[in-house]
């Protein structure tokens, strides 16, 4: 997969994390957090704009925080940012 596809898949994983946490489906959220973590590692960061590199670092931090509401909110925000990046690239 190329970087654009990986970032698009990461956006969907983050959206599923947010929905799972919001619904109280923590098993689903945990599974998609694992997938999102893998996808962050797969992205070729050398081809990204600086703000996207920064976003990927912040996504990794977001997935590690304990506050479920904050995690869900941030995951949804980064999902939207990544979707916009893919659509406008």
PDB file of N, CA and C in Angstrom:
ATOM      1  N   UNK A   1       0.845  -1.186   0.000  1.00  0.00           N
ATOM      2  CA  UNK A   1       0.000   0.000   0.000  1.00  0.00           C
ATOM      3  C   UNK A   1       0.885   1.242   0.000  1.00  0.00           C
ATOM      4  N   UNK A   2       0.409   2.276  -0.674  1.00  0.00           N
ATOM      5  CA  UNK A   2       1.159   3.525  -0.650  1.00  0.00           C
ATOM      6  C   UNK A   2       0.740   4.362   0.561  1.00  0.00           C
ATOM      7  N   UNK A   3       1.449   5.447   0.786  1.00  0.00           N
ATOM      8  CA  UNK A   3       1.201   6.262   1.984  1.00  0.00           C
ATOM      9  C   UNK A   3      -0.211   6.813   2.021  1.00  0.00           C
ATOM     10  N   UNK A   4      -0.742   7.199   0.879  1.00  0.00           N
ATOM     11  CA  UNK A   4      -2.093   7.753   0.842  1.00  0.00           C
ATOM     12  C   UNK A   4      -3.120   6.720   1.306  1.00  0.00           C
ATOM     13  N   UNK A   5      -2.985   5.497   0.867  1.00  0.00           N
ATOM     14  CA  UNK A   5      -3.903   4.437   1.282  1.00  0.00           C
ATOM     15  C   UNK A   5      -3.752   4.123   2.768  1.00  0.00           C
ATOM     16  N   UNK A   6      -2.523   4.100   3.235  1.00  0.00           N
ATOM     17  CA  UNK A   6      -2.278   3.807   4.648  1.00  0.00           C
ATOM     18  C   UNK A   6      -2.873   4.899   5.529  1.00  0.00           C
ATOM     19  N   UNK A   7      -2.699   6.152   5.126  1.00  0.00           N
ATOM     20  CA  UNK A   7      -3.248   7.254   5.911  1.00  0.00           C
ATOM     21  C   UNK A   7      -4.773   7.209   5.888  1.00  0.00           C
ATOM     22  N   UNK A   8      -5.366   6.858   4.759  1.00  0.00           N
ATOM     23  CA  UNK A   8      -6.817   6.707   4.688  1.00  0.00           C
ATOM     24  C   UNK A   8      -7.316   5.597   5.601  1.00  0.00           C
ATOM     25  N   UNK A   9      -6.605   4.485   5.621  1.00  0.00           N
ATOM     26  CA  UNK A   9      -6.977   3.376   6.510  1.00  0.00           C
ATOM     27  C   UNK A   9      -6.804   3.776   7.970  1.00  0.00           C
ATOM     28  N   UNK A  10      -5.751   4.539   8.261  1.00  0.00           N
ATOM     29  CA  UNK A  10      -5.526   5.024   9.619  1.00  0.00           C
ATOM     30  C   UNK A  10      -6.668   5.934  10.054  1.00  0.00           C
ATOM     31  N   UNK A  11      -7.142   6.781   9.143  1.00  0.00           N
ATOM     32  CA  UNK A  11      -8.266   7.662   9.460  1.00  0.00           C
ATOM     33  C   UNK A  11      -9.501   6.841   9.842  1.00  0.00           C
ATOM     34  N   UNK A  12      -9.765   5.777   9.096  1.00  0.00           N
ATOM     35  CA  UNK A  12     -10.918   4.929   9.417  1.00  0.00           C
ATOM     36  C   UNK A  12     -10.727   4.194  10.741  1.00  0.00           C
ATOM     37  N   UNK A  13      -9.515   3.726  11.005  1.00  0.00           N
ATOM     38  CA  UNK A  13      -9.247   3.061  12.282  1.00  0.00           C
ATOM     39  C   UNK A  13      -9.494   4.016  13.448  1.00  0.00           C
ATOM     40  N   UNK A  14      -9.038   5.262  13.305  1.00  0.00           N
ATOM     41  CA  UNK A  14      -9.236   6.239  14.376  1.00  0.00           C
ATOM     42  C   UNK A  14     -10.718   6.559  14.574  1.00  0.00           C
ATOM     43  N   UNK A  15     -11.456   6.610  13.482  1.00  0.00           N
ATOM     44  CA  UNK A  15     -12.894   6.863  13.600  1.00  0.00           C
ATOM     45  C   UNK A  15     -13.562   5.707  14.341  1.00  0.00           C
ATOM     46  N   UNK A  16     -13.143   4.490  14.058  1.00  0.00           N
ATOM     47  CA  UNK A  16     -13.708   3.327  14.756  1.00  0.00           C
ATOM     48  C   UNK A  16     -13.318   3.313  16.228  1.00  0.00           C
ATOM     49  N   UNK A  17     -12.114   3.780  16.539  1.00  0.00           N
ATOM     50  CA  UNK A  17     -11.705   3.909  17.944  1.00  0.00           C
ATOM     51  C   UNK A  17     -12.643   4.880  18.653  1.00  0.00           C
ATOM     52  N   UNK A  18     -12.870   6.035  18.033  1.00  0.00           N
ATOM     53  CA  UNK A  18     -13.735   7.047  18.641  1.00  0.00           C
ATOM     54  C   UNK A  18     -15.146   6.511  18.843  1.00  0.00           C
ATOM     55  N   UNK A  19     -15.693   5.838  17.830  1.00  0.00           N
ATOM     56  CA  UNK A  19     -17.044   5.293  17.947  1.00  0.00           C
ATOM     57  C   UNK A  19     -17.124   4.199  19.006  1.00  0.00           C
ATOM     58  N   UNK A  20     -16.116   3.342  19.052  1.00  0.00           N
ATOM     59  CA  UNK A  20     -16.103   2.273  20.051  1.00  0.00           C
ATOM     60  C   UNK A  20     -16.051   2.810  21.465  1.00  0.00           C
ATOM     61  N   UNK A  21     -15.207   3.811  21.689  1.00  0.00           N
ATOM     62  CA  UNK A  21     -15.107   4.400  23.024  1.00  0.00           C
ATOM     63  C   UNK A  21     -16.405   5.113  23.394  1.00  0.00           C
ATOM     64  N   UNK A  22     -16.982   5.807  22.439  1.00  0.00           N
ATOM     65  CA  UNK A  22     -18.225   6.536  22.704  1.00  0.00           C
ATOM     66  C   UNK A  22     -19.373   5.586  23.040  1.00  0.00           C
ATOM     67  N   UNK A  23     -19.433   4.461  22.356  1.00  0.00           N
ATOM     68  CA  UNK A  23     -20.508   3.485  22.578  1.00  0.00           C
ATOM     69  C   UNK A  23     -20.264   2.590  23.789  1.00  0.00           C
ATOM     70  N   UNK A  24     -19.040   2.623  24.313  1.00  0.00           N
ATOM     71  CA  UNK A  24     -18.709   1.749  25.426  1.00  0.00           C
ATOM     72  C   UNK A  24     -18.248   0.376  24.992  1.00  0.00           C
ATOM     73  N   UNK A  25     -17.945   0.223  23.712  1.00  0.00           N
ATOM     74  CA  UNK A  25     -17.447  -1.045  23.184  1.00  0.00           C
ATOM     75  C   UNK A  25     -15.918  -1.016  23.235  1.00  0.00           C
ATOM     76  N   UNK A  26     -15.392  -1.265  24.423  1.00  0.00           N
ATOM     77  CA  UNK A  26     -13.960  -1.105  24.651  1.00  0.00           C
ATOM     78  C   UNK A  26     -13.137  -2.178  23.950  1.00  0.00           C
ATOM     79  N   UNK A  27     -13.697  -3.352  23.752  1.00  0.00           N
ATOM     80  CA  UNK A  27     -12.974  -4.403  23.030  1.00  0.00           C
ATOM     81  C   UNK A  27     -12.759  -3.985  21.576  1.00  0.00           C
ATOM     82  N   UNK A  28     -13.792  -3.437  20.965  1.00  0.00           N
ATOM     83  CA  UNK A  28     -13.671  -2.970  19.589  1.00  0.00           C
ATOM     84  C   UNK A  28     -12.670  -1.818  19.503  1.00  0.00           C
ATOM     85  N   UNK A  29     -12.760  -0.877  20.428  1.00  0.00           N
ATOM     86  CA  UNK A  29     -11.857   0.272  20.432  1.00  0.00           C
ATOM     87  C   UNK A  29     -10.413  -0.182  20.597  1.00  0.00           C
ATOM     88  N   UNK A  30     -10.192  -1.145  21.473  1.00  0.00           N
ATOM     89  CA  UNK A  30      -8.834  -1.656  21.691  1.00  0.00           C
ATOM     90  C   UNK A  30      -8.290  -2.309  20.435  1.00  0.00           C
ATOM     91  N   UNK A  31      -9.108  -3.070  19.759  1.00  0.00           N
ATOM     92  CA  UNK A  31      -8.676  -3.738  18.522  1.00  0.00           C
ATOM     93  C   UNK A  31      -8.275  -2.719  17.462  1.00  0.00           C
ATOM     94  N   UNK A  32      -9.067  -1.660  17.293  1.00  0.00           N
ATOM     95  CA  UNK A  32      -8.740  -0.665  16.279  1.00  0.00           C
ATOM     96  C   UNK A  32      -7.599   0.249  16.717  1.00  0.00           C
ATOM     97  N   UNK A  33      -7.381   0.380  18.032  1.00  0.00           N
ATOM     98  CA  UNK A  33      -6.196   1.108  18.498  1.00  0.00           C
ATOM     99  C   UNK A  33      -4.934   0.352  18.095  1.00  0.00           C
ATOM    100  N   UNK A  34      -4.984  -0.976  18.214  1.00  0.00           N
ATOM    101  CA  UNK A  34      -3.846  -1.799  17.789  1.00  0.00           C
ATOM    102  C   UNK A  34      -3.590  -1.635  16.290  1.00  0.00           C
ATOM    103  N   UNK A  35      -4.670  -1.652  15.503  1.00  0.00           N
ATOM    104  CA  UNK A  35      -4.536  -1.477  14.054  1.00  0.00           C
ATOM    105  C   UNK A  35      -3.979  -0.094  13.725  1.00  0.00           C
ATOM    106  N   UNK A  36      -4.470   0.931  14.417  1.00  0.00           N
ATOM    107  CA  UNK A  36      -3.998   2.294  14.170  1.00  0.00           C
ATOM    108  C   UNK A  36      -2.518   2.425  14.503  1.00  0.00           C
ATOM    109  N   UNK A  37      -2.091   1.792  15.580  1.00  0.00           N
ATOM    110  CA  UNK A  37      -0.684   1.837  15.961  1.00  0.00           C
ATOM    111  C   UNK A  37       0.190   1.206  14.881  1.00  0.00           C
ATOM    112  N   UNK A  38      -0.261   0.085  14.326  1.00  0.00           N
ATOM    113  CA  UNK A  38       0.481  -0.566  13.243  1.00  0.00           C
ATOM    114  C   UNK A  38       0.565   0.330  12.019  1.00  0.00           C
ATOM    115  N   UNK A  39      -0.543   0.978  11.687  1.00  0.00           N
ATOM    116  CA  UNK A  39      -0.577   1.820  10.488  1.00  0.00           C
ATOM    117  C   UNK A  39       0.304   3.050  10.631  1.00  0.00           C
ATOM    118  N   UNK A  40       0.393   3.607  11.828  1.00  0.00           N
ATOM    119  CA  UNK A  40       1.280   4.760  12.045  1.00  0.00           C
ATOM    120  C   UNK A  40       2.718   4.358  11.730  1.00  0.00           C
ATOM    121  N   UNK A  41       3.084   3.140  12.117  1.00  0.00           N
ATOM    122  CA  UNK A  41       4.441   2.655  11.853  1.00  0.00           C
ATOM    123  C   UNK A  41       4.679   2.383  10.368  1.00  0.00           C
ATOM    124  N   UNK A  42       3.628   2.046   9.617  1.00  0.00           N
ATOM    125  CA  UNK A  42       3.765   1.713   8.199  1.00  0.00           C
ATOM    126  C   UNK A  42       3.967   2.934   7.306  1.00  0.00           C
ATOM    127  N   UNK A  43       3.530   4.100   7.750  1.00  0.00           N
ATOM    128  CA  UNK A  43       3.562   5.296   6.908  1.00  0.00           C
ATOM    129  C   UNK A  43       5.006   5.717   6.649  1.00  0.00           C
ATOM    130  N   UNK A  44       5.294   6.013   5.384  1.00  0.00           N
ATOM    131  CA  UNK A  44       6.613   6.535   5.002  1.00  0.00           C
ATOM    132  C   UNK A  44       6.627   8.025   5.332  1.00  0.00           C
ATOM    133  N   UNK A  45       7.223   8.364   6.461  1.00  0.00           N
ATOM    134  CA  UNK A  45       7.185   9.730   6.965  1.00  0.00           C
ATOM    135  C   UNK A  45       8.065  10.691   6.164  1.00  0.00           C
ATOM    136  N   UNK A  46       8.965  10.160   5.368  1.00  0.00           N
ATOM    137  CA  UNK A  46       9.864  11.025   4.599  1.00  0.00           C
ATOM    138  C   UNK A  46       9.131  11.786   3.500  1.00  0.00           C
ATOM    139  N   UNK A  47       7.970  11.310   3.086  1.00  0.00           N
ATOM    140  CA  UNK A  47       7.225  11.962   2.007  1.00  0.00           C
ATOM    141  C   UNK A  47       6.134  12.896   2.527  1.00  0.00           C
ATOM    142  N   UNK A  48       5.979  12.995   3.842  1.00  0.00           N
ATOM    143  CA  UNK A  48       4.883  13.775   4.417  1.00  0.00           C
ATOM    144  C   UNK A  48       5.278  15.226   4.672  1.00  0.00           C
ATOM    145  N   UNK A  49       4.259  16.069   4.692  1.00  0.00           N
ATOM    146  CA  UNK A  49       4.454  17.455   5.088  1.00  0.00           C
ATOM    147  C   UNK A  49       4.713  17.500   6.592  1.00  0.00           C
ATOM    148  N   UNK A  50       5.413  18.550   7.060  1.00  0.00           N
ATOM    149  CA  UNK A  50       5.757  18.614   8.496  1.00  0.00           C
ATOM    150  C   UNK A  50       4.563  18.523   9.445  1.00  0.00           C
ATOM    151  N   UNK A  51       3.446  19.146   9.084  1.00  0.00           N
ATOM    152  CA  UNK A  51       2.308  19.084  10.004  1.00  0.00           C
ATOM    153  C   UNK A  51       1.746  17.668  10.117  1.00  0.00           C
ATOM    154  N   UNK A  52       1.886  16.875   9.046  1.00  0.00           N
ATOM    155  CA  UNK A  52       1.409  15.495   9.113  1.00  0.00           C
ATOM    156  C   UNK A  52       2.345  14.630   9.958  1.00  0.00           C
ATOM    157  N   UNK A  53       3.646  14.891   9.873  1.00  0.00           N
ATOM    158  CA  UNK A  53       4.588  14.168  10.733  1.00  0.00           C
ATOM    159  C   UNK A  53       4.250  14.439  12.196  1.00  0.00           C
ATOM    160  N   UNK A  54       3.963  15.703  12.498  1.00  0.00           N
ATOM    161  CA  UNK A  54       3.603  16.096  13.851  1.00  0.00           C
ATOM    162  C   UNK A  54       2.295  15.427  14.281  1.00  0.00           C
ATOM    163  N   UNK A  55       1.337  15.359  13.369  1.00  0.00           N
ATOM    164  CA  UNK A  55       0.051  14.718  13.681  1.00  0.00           C
ATOM    165  C   UNK A  55       0.245  13.243  14.012  1.00  0.00           C
ATOM    166  N   UNK A  56       1.116  12.554  13.285  1.00  0.00           N
ATOM    167  CA  UNK A  56       1.352  11.133  13.558  1.00  0.00           C
ATOM    168  C   UNK A  56       1.954  10.919  14.942  1.00  0.00           C
ATOM    169  N   UNK A  57       2.842  11.823  15.358  1.00  0.00           N
ATOM    170  CA  UNK A  57       3.412  11.735  16.707  1.00  0.00           C
ATOM    171  C   UNK A  57       2.309  11.930  17.744  1.00  0.00           C
ATOM    172  N   UNK A  58       1.453  12.909  17.499  1.00  0.00           N
ATOM    173  CA  UNK A  58       0.374  13.186  18.444  1.00  0.00           C
ATOM    174  C   UNK A  58      -0.667  12.070  18.472  1.00  0.00           C
ATOM    175  N   UNK A  59      -0.845  11.397  17.349  1.00  0.00           N
ATOM    176  CA  UNK A  59      -1.772  10.253  17.313  1.00  0.00           C
ATOM    177  C   UNK A  59      -1.247   9.141  18.215  1.00  0.00           C
ATOM    178  N   UNK A  60       0.047   8.883  18.146  1.00  0.00           N
ATOM    179  CA  UNK A  60       0.627   7.850  19.012  1.00  0.00           C
ATOM    180  C   UNK A  60       0.426   8.213  20.480  1.00  0.00           C
ATOM    181  N   UNK A  61       0.590   9.498  20.812  1.00  0.00           N
ATOM    182  CA  UNK A  61       0.362   9.935  22.187  1.00  0.00           C
ATOM    183  C   UNK A  61      -1.104   9.750  22.558  1.00  0.00           C
ATOM    184  N   UNK A  62      -1.998  10.137  21.669  1.00  0.00           N
ATOM    185  CA  UNK A  62      -3.435  10.026  21.921  1.00  0.00           C
ATOM    186  C   UNK A  62      -3.840   8.591  22.222  1.00  0.00           C
ATOM    187  N   UNK A  63      -3.283   7.655  21.482  1.00  0.00           N
ATOM    188  CA  UNK A  63      -3.648   6.250  21.692  1.00  0.00           C
ATOM    189  C   UNK A  63      -3.133   5.708  23.022  1.00  0.00           C
ATOM    190  N   UNK A  64      -2.196   6.414  23.645  1.00  0.00           N
ATOM    191  CA  UNK A  64      -1.632   5.928  24.908  1.00  0.00           C
ATOM    192  C   UNK A  64      -2.271   6.558  26.145  1.00  0.00           C
ATOM    193  N   UNK A  65      -3.087   7.595  25.989  1.00  0.00           N
ATOM    194  CA  UNK A  65      -3.658   8.240  27.170  1.00  0.00           C
ATOM    195  C   UNK A  65      -4.781   7.388  27.758  1.00  0.00           C
ATOM    196  N   UNK A  66      -5.051   7.592  29.037  1.00  0.00           N
ATOM    197  CA  UNK A  66      -6.007   6.759  29.758  1.00  0.00           C
ATOM    198  C   UNK A  66      -7.433   7.311  29.737  1.00  0.00           C
ATOM    199  N   UNK A  67      -7.604   8.629  29.676  1.00  0.00           N
ATOM    200  CA  UNK A  67      -8.926   9.250  29.703  1.00  0.00           C
ATOM    201  C   UNK A  67      -9.688   8.893  28.421  1.00  0.00           C
ATOM    202  N   UNK A  68     -10.713   8.070  28.557  1.00  0.00           N
ATOM    203  CA  UNK A  68     -11.439   7.552  27.386  1.00  0.00           C
ATOM    204  C   UNK A  68     -12.151   8.646  26.607  1.00  0.00           C
ATOM    205  N   UNK A  69     -12.724   9.625  27.293  1.00  0.00           N
ATOM    206  CA  UNK A  69     -13.419  10.703  26.597  1.00  0.00           C
ATOM    207  C   UNK A  69     -12.448  11.549  25.784  1.00  0.00           C
ATOM    208  N   UNK A  70     -11.324  11.875  26.370  1.00  0.00           N
ATOM    209  CA  UNK A  70     -10.303  12.663  25.665  1.00  0.00           C
ATOM    210  C   UNK A  70      -9.756  11.868  24.483  1.00  0.00           C
ATOM    211  N   UNK A  71      -9.529  10.583  24.690  1.00  0.00           N
ATOM    212  CA  UNK A  71      -9.021   9.724  23.621  1.00  0.00           C
ATOM    213  C   UNK A  71     -10.007   9.663  22.459  1.00  0.00           C
ATOM    214  N   UNK A  72     -11.293   9.500  22.759  1.00  0.00           N
ATOM    215  CA  UNK A  72     -12.313   9.429  21.714  1.00  0.00           C
ATOM    216  C   UNK A  72     -12.394  10.747  20.950  1.00  0.00           C
ATOM    217  N   UNK A  73     -12.367  11.856  21.670  1.00  0.00           N
ATOM    218  CA  UNK A  73     -12.445  13.170  21.040  1.00  0.00           C
ATOM    219  C   UNK A  73     -11.240  13.421  20.130  1.00  0.00           C
ATOM    220  N   UNK A  74     -10.050  13.120  20.627  1.00  0.00           N
ATOM    221  CA  UNK A  74      -8.834  13.330  19.838  1.00  0.00           C
ATOM    222  C   UNK A  74      -8.766  12.388  18.642  1.00  0.00           C
ATOM    223  N   UNK A  75      -9.193  11.148  18.824  1.00  0.00           N
ATOM    224  CA  UNK A  75      -9.173  10.189  17.714  1.00  0.00           C
ATOM    225  C   UNK A  75     -10.090  10.660  16.589  1.00  0.00           C
ATOM    226  N   UNK A  76     -11.252  11.180  16.930  1.00  0.00           N
ATOM    227  CA  UNK A  76     -12.169  11.689  15.914  1.00  0.00           C
ATOM    228  C   UNK A  76     -11.581  12.912  15.209  1.00  0.00           C
ATOM    229  N   UNK A  77     -10.940  13.793  15.968  1.00  0.00           N
ATOM    230  CA  UNK A  77     -10.322  14.977  15.380  1.00  0.00           C
ATOM    231  C   UNK A  77      -9.212  14.588  14.402  1.00  0.00           C
ATOM    232  N   UNK A  78      -8.326  13.685  14.814  1.00  0.00           N
ATOM    233  CA  UNK A  78      -7.225  13.277  13.936  1.00  0.00           C
ATOM    234  C   UNK A  78      -7.739  12.483  12.741  1.00  0.00           C
ATOM    235  N   UNK A  79      -8.816  11.755  12.920  1.00  0.00           N
ATOM    236  CA  UNK A  79      -9.423  11.046  11.800  1.00  0.00           C
ATOM    237  C   UNK A  79      -9.847  12.033  10.718  1.00  0.00           C
ATOM    238  N   UNK A  80     -10.469  13.119  11.133  1.00  0.00           N
ATOM    239  CA  UNK A  80     -10.910  14.143  10.186  1.00  0.00           C
ATOM    240  C   UNK A  80      -9.721  14.818   9.515  1.00  0.00           C
ATOM    241  N   UNK A  81      -8.688  15.125  10.270  1.00  0.00           N
ATOM    242  CA  UNK A  81      -7.489  15.745   9.707  1.00  0.00           C
ATOM    243  C   UNK A  81      -6.864  14.835   8.658  1.00  0.00           C
ATOM    244  N   UNK A  82      -6.760  13.552   8.970  1.00  0.00           N
ATOM    245  CA  UNK A  82      -6.158  12.604   8.026  1.00  0.00           C
ATOM    246  C   UNK A  82      -7.031  12.436   6.785  1.00  0.00           C
ATOM    247  N   UNK A  83      -8.334  12.378   6.947  1.00  0.00           N
ATOM    248  CA  UNK A  83      -9.226  12.271   5.794  1.00  0.00           C
ATOM    249  C   UNK A  83      -9.064  13.476   4.869  1.00  0.00           C
ATOM    250  N   UNK A  84      -9.013  14.666   5.458  1.00  0.00           N
ATOM    251  CA  UNK A  84      -8.837  15.874   4.653  1.00  0.00           C
ATOM    252  C   UNK A  84      -7.504  15.860   3.924  1.00  0.00           C
ATOM    253  N   UNK A  85      -6.469  15.385   4.568  1.00  0.00           N
ATOM    254  CA  UNK A  85      -5.145  15.310   3.948  1.00  0.00           C
ATOM    255  C   UNK A  85      -5.187  14.389   2.733  1.00  0.00           C
ATOM    256  N   UNK A  86      -5.805  13.239   2.887  1.00  0.00           N
ATOM    257  CA  UNK A  86      -5.870  12.267   1.800  1.00  0.00           C
ATOM    258  C   UNK A  86      -6.712  12.809   0.644  1.00  0.00           C
ATOM    259  N   UNK A  87      -7.814  13.447   0.946  1.00  0.00           N
ATOM    260  CA  UNK A  87      -8.692  13.945  -0.099  1.00  0.00           C
ATOM    261  C   UNK A  87      -8.109  15.136  -0.859  1.00  0.00           C
ATOM    262  N   UNK A  88      -7.277  15.910  -0.183  1.00  0.00           N
ATOM    263  CA  UNK A  88      -6.720  17.112  -0.803  1.00  0.00           C
ATOM    264  C   UNK A  88      -5.307  16.945  -1.318  1.00  0.00           C
ATOM    265  N   UNK A  89      -4.750  15.760  -1.189  1.00  0.00           N
ATOM    266  CA  UNK A  89      -3.373  15.527  -1.617  1.00  0.00           C
ATOM    267  C   UNK A  89      -3.321  15.252  -3.096  1.00  0.00           C
TER     268      UNK A  89
END
